[in-house]
Amino acid sequence: MENWTTRFENELQAAQEARARQNEGRARVCARRAVGALLDGYFAARGIPFDRPSAYDKVRFFITLEDVPAEVHQVAEHFLRRVTPEFKLPIEADLIAEARWLRERLME
């Protein structure tokens, strides 16, 4: 199995390719999966048991942890946002950039 860093980078690459094809919905899905891979690494490094495969579930669990800084918590919540009926995020957010930002904050 690929390690979390390879999965993270592969998903972000797929997200960028989807965005280049003007498929923002797919870009968001790939960015969320990249964060799921990141959280696999984060949980493993801290000995936190969590084995659900869903990136959405990983983010939901992550934001319940007490030691998550407020700004990290806020950005992580963006990956849980549902799209509007027009398939747009209800907030201004670049999930690809935010996935990279989370990696810098969590895996320094």
N, C-alpha and C. Protein backbone atom coordinates (compact mmCIF):
# COMPACT_ATOMS: atom_id res chain seq x y z
N MET A 1 0.84 -1.20 0.00
CA MET A 1 0.00 0.00 0.00
C MET A 1 0.88 1.25 0.00
N GLU A 2 0.45 2.24 -0.74
CA GLU A 2 1.19 3.50 -0.79
C GLU A 2 1.18 4.18 0.59
N ASN A 3 2.24 4.91 0.88
CA ASN A 3 2.23 5.65 2.14
C ASN A 3 1.36 6.89 1.99
N TRP A 4 1.08 7.52 3.10
CA TRP A 4 0.14 8.64 3.07
C TRP A 4 0.67 9.80 2.23
N THR A 5 1.97 10.04 2.21
CA THR A 5 2.49 11.17 1.44
C THR A 5 2.30 10.95 -0.05
N THR A 6 2.50 9.74 -0.52
CA THR A 6 2.28 9.45 -1.94
C THR A 6 0.80 9.60 -2.29
N ARG A 7 -0.06 9.06 -1.45
CA ARG A 7 -1.51 9.19 -1.69
C ARG A 7 -1.93 10.65 -1.67
N PHE A 8 -1.39 11.43 -0.72
CA PHE A 8 -1.69 12.85 -0.62
C PHE A 8 -1.32 13.56 -1.93
N GLU A 9 -0.08 13.37 -2.36
CA GLU A 9 0.39 14.04 -3.58
C GLU A 9 -0.38 13.58 -4.81
N ASN A 10 -0.68 12.29 -4.92
CA ASN A 10 -1.44 11.78 -6.06
C ASN A 10 -2.84 12.39 -6.11
N GLU A 11 -3.48 12.49 -4.97
CA GLU A 11 -4.83 13.08 -4.94
C GLU A 11 -4.79 14.56 -5.28
N LEU A 12 -3.79 15.27 -4.79
CA LEU A 12 -3.70 16.69 -5.13
C LEU A 12 -3.41 16.88 -6.61
N GLN A 13 -2.60 16.02 -7.18
CA GLN A 13 -2.35 16.08 -8.62
C GLN A 13 -3.65 15.84 -9.39
N ALA A 14 -4.41 14.86 -8.97
CA ALA A 14 -5.70 14.58 -9.61
C ALA A 14 -6.65 15.77 -9.45
N ALA A 15 -6.60 16.43 -8.30
CA ALA A 15 -7.43 17.61 -8.06
C ALA A 15 -7.05 18.74 -9.01
N GLN A 16 -5.76 18.96 -9.18
CA GLN A 16 -5.30 20.01 -10.08
C GLN A 16 -5.69 19.71 -11.52
N GLU A 17 -5.58 18.45 -11.91
CA GLU A 17 -5.96 18.06 -13.27
C GLU A 17 -7.47 18.25 -13.49
N ALA A 18 -8.26 17.91 -12.49
CA ALA A 18 -9.71 18.11 -12.59
C ALA A 18 -10.04 19.60 -12.71
N ARG A 19 -9.37 20.41 -11.92
CA ARG A 19 -9.60 21.86 -11.99
C ARG A 19 -9.22 22.39 -13.37
N ALA A 20 -8.12 21.90 -13.93
CA ALA A 20 -7.69 22.34 -15.26
C ALA A 20 -8.74 21.98 -16.32
N ARG A 21 -9.49 20.90 -16.08
CA ARG A 21 -10.57 20.50 -16.99
C ARG A 21 -11.89 21.17 -16.63
N GLN A 22 -11.84 22.11 -15.70
CA GLN A 22 -13.01 22.86 -15.22
C GLN A 22 -14.04 21.96 -14.55
N ASN A 23 -13.54 20.93 -13.87
CA ASN A 23 -14.40 20.03 -13.12
C ASN A 23 -14.13 20.26 -11.63
N GLU A 24 -14.68 21.36 -11.11
CA GLU A 24 -14.40 21.75 -9.74
C GLU A 24 -14.95 20.76 -8.72
N GLY A 25 -16.06 20.12 -9.05
CA GLY A 25 -16.61 19.11 -8.13
C GLY A 25 -15.63 17.97 -7.92
N ARG A 26 -15.05 17.49 -8.99
CA ARG A 26 -14.05 16.42 -8.89
C ARG A 26 -12.81 16.92 -8.16
N ALA A 27 -12.42 18.15 -8.39
CA ALA A 27 -11.26 18.73 -7.70
C ALA A 27 -11.50 18.74 -6.19
N ARG A 28 -12.71 19.08 -5.77
CA ARG A 28 -13.02 19.09 -4.34
C ARG A 28 -12.96 17.69 -3.75
N VAL A 29 -13.48 16.71 -4.47
CA VAL A 29 -13.46 15.33 -3.99
C VAL A 29 -12.01 14.86 -3.81
N CYS A 30 -11.18 15.14 -4.80
CA CYS A 30 -9.78 14.72 -4.72
C CYS A 30 -9.05 15.44 -3.59
N ALA A 31 -9.34 16.73 -3.40
CA ALA A 31 -8.70 17.47 -2.30
C ALA A 31 -9.12 16.88 -0.96
N ARG A 32 -10.39 16.50 -0.83
CA ARG A 32 -10.85 15.87 0.42
C ARG A 32 -10.16 14.53 0.64
N ARG A 33 -10.00 13.76 -0.42
CA ARG A 33 -9.29 12.47 -0.27
C ARG A 33 -7.83 12.70 0.09
N ALA A 34 -7.22 13.77 -0.43
CA ALA A 34 -5.85 14.10 -0.06
C ALA A 34 -5.77 14.38 1.44
N VAL A 35 -6.73 15.11 1.97
CA VAL A 35 -6.75 15.37 3.41
C VAL A 35 -6.99 14.08 4.18
N GLY A 36 -7.78 13.18 3.65
CA GLY A 36 -7.95 11.88 4.30
C GLY A 36 -6.62 11.15 4.42
N ALA A 37 -5.82 11.18 3.35
CA ALA A 37 -4.49 10.55 3.40
C ALA A 37 -3.59 11.26 4.42
N LEU A 38 -3.65 12.58 4.42
CA LEU A 38 -2.89 13.36 5.40
C LEU A 38 -3.26 12.96 6.83
N LEU A 39 -4.54 12.82 7.07
CA LEU A 39 -4.99 12.45 8.42
C LEU A 39 -4.58 11.03 8.78
N ASP A 40 -4.48 10.15 7.81
CA ASP A 40 -3.93 8.81 8.09
C ASP A 40 -2.52 8.96 8.69
N GLY A 41 -1.70 9.81 8.07
CA GLY A 41 -0.35 10.05 8.58
C GLY A 41 -0.36 10.72 9.93
N TYR A 42 -1.25 11.68 10.10
CA TYR A 42 -1.36 12.40 11.37
C TYR A 42 -1.76 11.46 12.50
N PHE A 43 -2.78 10.65 12.25
CA PHE A 43 -3.23 9.71 13.28
C PHE A 43 -2.15 8.69 13.61
N ALA A 44 -1.49 8.16 12.59
CA ALA A 44 -0.44 7.15 12.80
C ALA A 44 0.72 7.74 13.61
N ALA A 45 1.12 8.96 13.29
CA ALA A 45 2.24 9.59 13.98
C ALA A 45 1.94 9.84 15.46
N ARG A 46 0.67 9.97 15.79
CA ARG A 46 0.28 10.25 17.17
C ARG A 46 -0.31 9.05 17.88
N GLY A 47 -0.32 7.91 17.21
CA GLY A 47 -0.86 6.70 17.83
C GLY A 47 -2.35 6.77 18.07
N ILE A 48 -3.06 7.50 17.23
CA ILE A 48 -4.51 7.64 17.38
C ILE A 48 -5.18 6.58 16.51
N PRO A 49 -5.88 5.65 17.13
CA PRO A 49 -6.52 4.59 16.34
C PRO A 49 -7.75 5.13 15.60
N PHE A 50 -7.73 4.98 14.28
CA PHE A 50 -8.88 5.34 13.45
C PHE A 50 -8.73 4.60 12.15
N ASP A 51 -9.66 3.71 11.85
CA ASP A 51 -9.48 2.85 10.68
C ASP A 51 -10.60 2.95 9.65
N ARG A 52 -11.42 3.95 9.74
CA ARG A 52 -12.47 4.09 8.73
C ARG A 52 -11.88 4.63 7.44
N PRO A 53 -12.29 4.12 6.30
CA PRO A 53 -11.67 4.53 5.03
C PRO A 53 -12.15 5.88 4.50
N SER A 54 -13.28 6.36 4.96
CA SER A 54 -13.86 7.58 4.41
C SER A 54 -13.09 8.84 4.85
N ALA A 55 -12.67 9.64 3.87
CA ALA A 55 -11.99 10.90 4.18
C ALA A 55 -12.93 11.81 4.98
N TYR A 56 -14.20 11.82 4.64
CA TYR A 56 -15.18 12.63 5.35
C TYR A 56 -15.23 12.23 6.82
N ASP A 57 -15.27 10.94 7.09
CA ASP A 57 -15.29 10.47 8.48
C ASP A 57 -14.01 10.84 9.21
N LYS A 58 -12.88 10.77 8.52
CA LYS A 58 -11.60 11.14 9.14
C LYS A 58 -11.60 12.60 9.56
N VAL A 59 -12.10 13.47 8.69
CA VAL A 59 -12.15 14.90 9.02
C VAL A 59 -13.12 15.13 10.18
N ARG A 60 -14.26 14.48 10.14
CA ARG A 60 -15.23 14.63 11.24
C ARG A 60 -14.61 14.21 12.57
N PHE A 61 -13.88 13.11 12.58
CA PHE A 61 -13.22 12.65 13.80
C PHE A 61 -12.12 13.63 14.21
N PHE A 62 -11.32 14.06 13.25
CA PHE A 62 -10.21 14.96 13.52
C PHE A 62 -10.66 16.23 14.24
N ILE A 63 -11.75 16.83 13.81
CA ILE A 63 -12.17 18.09 14.42
C ILE A 63 -12.74 17.90 15.83
N THR A 64 -12.94 16.65 16.25
CA THR A 64 -13.37 16.41 17.63
C THR A 64 -12.20 16.34 18.59
N LEU A 65 -10.98 16.25 18.07
CA LEU A 65 -9.81 16.15 18.94
C LEU A 65 -9.59 17.48 19.67
N GLU A 66 -9.30 17.38 20.95
CA GLU A 66 -9.21 18.59 21.77
C GLU A 66 -7.99 19.45 21.49
N ASP A 67 -6.91 18.87 20.98
CA ASP A 67 -5.69 19.65 20.80
C ASP A 67 -5.54 20.27 19.41
N VAL A 68 -6.61 20.27 18.63
CA VAL A 68 -6.56 20.87 17.29
C VAL A 68 -6.69 22.38 17.43
N PRO A 69 -5.70 23.14 16.94
CA PRO A 69 -5.77 24.60 17.02
C PRO A 69 -7.01 25.14 16.28
N ALA A 70 -7.53 26.25 16.75
CA ALA A 70 -8.77 26.82 16.21
C ALA A 70 -8.70 27.06 14.71
N GLU A 71 -7.60 27.63 14.21
CA GLU A 71 -7.54 27.92 12.78
C GLU A 71 -7.47 26.64 11.95
N VAL A 72 -6.81 25.61 12.47
CA VAL A 72 -6.76 24.32 11.78
C VAL A 72 -8.15 23.70 11.77
N HIS A 73 -8.83 23.77 12.89
CA HIS A 73 -10.21 23.26 13.01
C HIS A 73 -11.10 23.94 11.97
N GLN A 74 -10.99 25.25 11.87
CA GLN A 74 -11.84 26.01 10.96
C GLN A 74 -11.59 25.59 9.50
N VAL A 75 -10.34 25.47 9.12
CA VAL A 75 -10.03 25.07 7.74
C VAL A 75 -10.47 23.63 7.50
N ALA A 76 -10.23 22.75 8.45
CA ALA A 76 -10.64 21.35 8.28
C ALA A 76 -12.15 21.25 8.06
N GLU A 77 -12.91 22.10 8.72
CA GLU A 77 -14.37 22.07 8.54
C GLU A 77 -14.79 22.37 7.10
N HIS A 78 -13.98 23.10 6.37
CA HIS A 78 -14.31 23.40 4.97
C HIS A 78 -14.47 22.12 4.16
N PHE A 79 -13.75 21.07 4.54
CA PHE A 79 -13.81 19.80 3.81
C PHE A 79 -15.09 19.02 4.12
N LEU A 80 -15.88 19.51 5.06
CA LEU A 80 -17.14 18.87 5.41
C LEU A 80 -18.34 19.60 4.81
N ARG A 81 -18.10 20.73 4.19
CA ARG A 81 -19.20 21.54 3.65
C ARG A 81 -19.88 20.86 2.49
N ARG A 82 -21.18 20.93 2.51
CA ARG A 82 -21.99 20.40 1.41
C ARG A 82 -22.13 21.50 0.35
N VAL A 83 -22.21 21.08 -0.88
CA VAL A 83 -22.39 22.05 -1.96
C VAL A 83 -23.84 22.51 -2.01
N THR A 84 -24.04 23.65 -2.64
CA THR A 84 -25.39 24.19 -2.83
C THR A 84 -26.09 23.41 -3.95
N PRO A 85 -27.37 23.67 -4.16
CA PRO A 85 -28.06 23.02 -5.29
C PRO A 85 -27.40 23.32 -6.65
N GLU A 86 -26.63 24.41 -6.71
CA GLU A 86 -25.90 24.76 -7.95
C GLU A 86 -24.52 24.09 -7.99
N PHE A 87 -24.26 23.20 -7.03
CA PHE A 87 -23.00 22.45 -6.94
C PHE A 87 -21.80 23.36 -6.67
N LYS A 88 -22.02 24.40 -5.88
CA LYS A 88 -20.95 25.31 -5.47
C LYS A 88 -20.79 25.21 -3.95
N LEU A 89 -19.57 25.46 -3.48
CA LEU A 89 -19.38 25.54 -2.03
C LEU A 89 -20.08 26.80 -1.51
N PRO A 90 -20.68 26.73 -0.32
CA PRO A 90 -21.36 27.91 0.22
C PRO A 90 -20.38 28.91 0.84
N ILE A 91 -19.09 28.65 0.72
CA ILE A 91 -18.04 29.53 1.24
C ILE A 91 -17.00 29.75 0.16
N GLU A 92 -16.21 30.80 0.32
CA GLU A 92 -15.08 31.02 -0.58
C GLU A 92 -13.90 30.23 -0.02
N ALA A 93 -13.52 29.18 -0.72
CA ALA A 93 -12.41 28.34 -0.26
C ALA A 93 -11.80 27.62 -1.44
N ASP A 94 -10.48 27.54 -1.44
CA ASP A 94 -9.74 26.75 -2.42
C ASP A 94 -9.27 25.50 -1.68
N LEU A 95 -10.00 24.41 -1.83
CA LEU A 95 -9.69 23.21 -1.05
C LEU A 95 -8.34 22.60 -1.41
N ILE A 96 -7.86 22.81 -2.61
CA ILE A 96 -6.54 22.31 -2.96
C ILE A 96 -5.48 23.05 -2.15
N ALA A 97 -5.57 24.37 -2.14
CA ALA A 97 -4.62 25.17 -1.36
C ALA A 97 -4.77 24.88 0.14
N GLU A 98 -5.99 24.68 0.58
CA GLU A 98 -6.21 24.41 2.00
C GLU A 98 -5.67 23.04 2.40
N ALA A 99 -5.72 22.07 1.51
CA ALA A 99 -5.13 20.76 1.81
C ALA A 99 -3.62 20.91 2.03
N ARG A 100 -2.98 21.71 1.18
CA ARG A 100 -1.53 21.96 1.35
C ARG A 100 -1.25 22.69 2.66
N TRP A 101 -2.09 23.66 2.97
CA TRP A 101 -1.93 24.43 4.20
C TRP A 101 -2.05 23.51 5.42
N LEU A 102 -3.03 22.62 5.39
CA LEU A 102 -3.20 21.68 6.51
C LEU A 102 -1.97 20.79 6.65
N ARG A 103 -1.42 20.36 5.54
CA ARG A 103 -0.22 19.52 5.62
C ARG A 103 0.91 20.27 6.32
N GLU A 104 1.10 21.53 5.95
CA GLU A 104 2.15 22.32 6.60
C GLU A 104 1.91 22.46 8.09
N ARG A 105 0.69 22.65 8.50
CA ARG A 105 0.37 22.85 9.92
C ARG A 105 0.44 21.54 10.72
N LEU A 106 0.03 20.45 10.11
CA LEU A 106 -0.10 19.20 10.86
C LEU A 106 1.16 18.35 10.84
N MET A 107 1.97 18.47 9.79
CA MET A 107 3.10 17.56 9.65
C MET A 107 4.43 18.31 9.61
N GLU A 108 4.53 19.42 10.33
CA GLU A 108 5.75 20.22 10.38
C GLU A 108 6.88 19.45 10.98
